[in-house]
Each structure stands twice: as structure tokens, then as C-alpha cells.
Amino acid sequence: MTDAPMRIGTLKKAMEGGDTETLFTAAHSLKGISGNLGARAMTTLSERLQVMGNAHSTDGAGELITELEQEFKQVKSELETHFQF
């Protein structure tokens, strides 16, 4: 819950700076976090960003990061409701 926003921020900075290695690493971490939570949409978006980073591309990353950020907000809200953080 606390690591994901930091990783999303890292994705944004990596995209803006064209740092595909950091994009890959942050996306890989988010894929693991979201997979552990069972957040499939987040996992899929993270995997797509990971593939981009591996391909040394940031084309379209901004849109995916925005979707990922929105999905995280929804997942966080659902977790807070169910587990009352």
C-alpha cells in the first residue's frame, strides 16, 4: 500500500527522463506487488510497462502510467473498505 505510490512516481520520472532501465525495474516491482494483492488489472498494466522498459521504449508509457495510477486508487479504496486500514 505504501510502496506502490512511490513506484508509480518512479515510473513517471523514468518516463519523463527516458530512463527505460528504471521504467523496467519499477514496473517489475509493481507487477509483483499487484500480483500479491490479486489486482489483475494493475498486474497487466505493470507488465505492459515492464515490456516497454525491456524494449527500451517509453512510447505510450504516460497513458499506461495514468491508467495504473487510477487502478491503484481503486484497489487501495477497496482494500481500505474491506480491511479498514
Protein backbone atom coordinates (compact mmCIF):
# COMPACT_ATOMS: atom_id res chain seq x y z
CA MET A 1 0.00 0.00 0.00
CA THR A 2 2.79 2.44 0.79
CA ASP A 3 5.33 1.24 -1.78
CA ALA A 4 3.06 1.44 -4.83
CA PRO A 5 2.69 5.26 -4.91
CA MET A 6 6.47 5.61 -4.69
CA ARG A 7 6.92 3.15 -7.57
CA ILE A 8 4.32 4.98 -9.66
CA GLY A 9 6.25 8.22 -9.04
CA THR A 10 9.42 6.45 -10.14
CA LEU A 11 7.67 5.31 -13.33
CA LYS A 12 6.67 8.89 -14.11
CA LYS A 13 10.20 10.20 -13.60
CA ALA A 14 11.69 7.37 -15.63
CA MET A 15 9.29 8.02 -18.50
CA GLU A 16 9.97 11.76 -18.45
CA GLY A 17 13.72 11.14 -18.45
CA GLY A 18 13.63 8.34 -21.00
CA ASP A 19 15.18 6.00 -18.41
CA THR A 20 13.93 2.65 -19.67
CA GLU A 21 16.00 0.63 -17.20
CA THR A 22 14.31 2.33 -14.24
CA LEU A 23 10.96 2.04 -16.01
CA PHE A 24 11.52 -1.71 -16.29
CA THR A 25 12.62 -2.09 -12.66
CA ALA A 26 9.77 -0.05 -11.16
CA ALA A 27 7.20 -1.79 -13.37
CA HIS A 28 8.59 -5.18 -12.37
CA SER A 29 8.26 -4.27 -8.68
CA LEU A 30 4.69 -3.06 -9.17
CA LYS A 31 3.83 -6.22 -11.05
CA GLY A 32 4.93 -8.23 -8.03
CA ILE A 33 3.09 -6.00 -5.55
CA SER A 34 -0.13 -6.09 -7.55
CA GLY A 35 0.17 -9.80 -8.19
CA ASN A 36 0.45 -10.45 -4.46
CA LEU A 37 -2.68 -8.36 -3.89
CA GLY A 38 -4.59 -10.15 -6.64
CA ALA A 39 -5.05 -6.87 -8.51
CA ARG A 40 -5.10 -8.28 -12.03
CA ALA A 41 -5.60 -5.02 -13.92
CA MET A 42 -2.66 -3.46 -12.09
CA THR A 43 -0.58 -6.54 -12.82
CA THR A 44 -1.40 -6.36 -16.53
CA LEU A 45 -0.62 -2.64 -16.76
CA SER A 46 2.64 -3.12 -14.87
CA GLU A 47 3.62 -5.97 -17.14
CA ARG A 48 2.98 -3.84 -20.23
CA LEU A 49 5.22 -1.12 -18.78
CA GLN A 50 7.85 -3.71 -17.94
CA VAL A 51 7.83 -4.94 -21.54
CA MET A 52 8.23 -1.33 -22.73
CA GLY A 53 11.20 -0.79 -20.49
CA ASN A 54 12.77 -4.04 -21.64
CA ALA A 55 12.29 -2.90 -25.26
CA HIS A 56 13.97 0.44 -24.40
CA SER A 57 10.85 2.40 -25.27
CA THR A 58 8.68 4.89 -23.42
CA ASP A 59 6.18 5.39 -26.26
CA GLY A 60 2.70 5.30 -24.75
CA ALA A 61 4.03 4.89 -21.22
CA GLY A 62 2.31 8.04 -20.00
CA GLU A 63 -1.15 6.68 -20.77
CA LEU A 64 -0.37 3.35 -19.13
CA ILE A 65 1.00 5.06 -16.03
CA THR A 66 -2.15 7.17 -15.78
CA GLU A 67 -4.29 4.03 -16.05
CA LEU A 68 -2.11 2.28 -13.48
CA GLU A 69 -2.41 5.20 -11.08
CA GLN A 70 -6.21 5.21 -11.42
CA GLU A 71 -6.37 1.45 -10.95
CA PHE A 72 -4.21 1.69 -7.84
CA LYS A 73 -6.57 4.26 -6.34
CA GLN A 74 -9.48 1.88 -6.90
CA VAL A 75 -7.59 -1.10 -5.45
CA LYS A 76 -6.48 0.96 -2.45
CA SER A 77 -10.05 2.09 -1.82
CA GLU A 78 -11.36 -1.47 -2.00
CA LEU A 79 -8.64 -2.75 0.34
CA GLU A 80 -9.31 0.06 2.81
CA THR A 81 -13.02 -0.76 2.75
CA HIS A 82 -12.52 -4.48 3.29
CA PHE A 83 -9.67 -4.32 5.76
CA GLN A 84 -10.31 -0.90 7.34
CA PHE A 85 -6.71 0.37 7.23
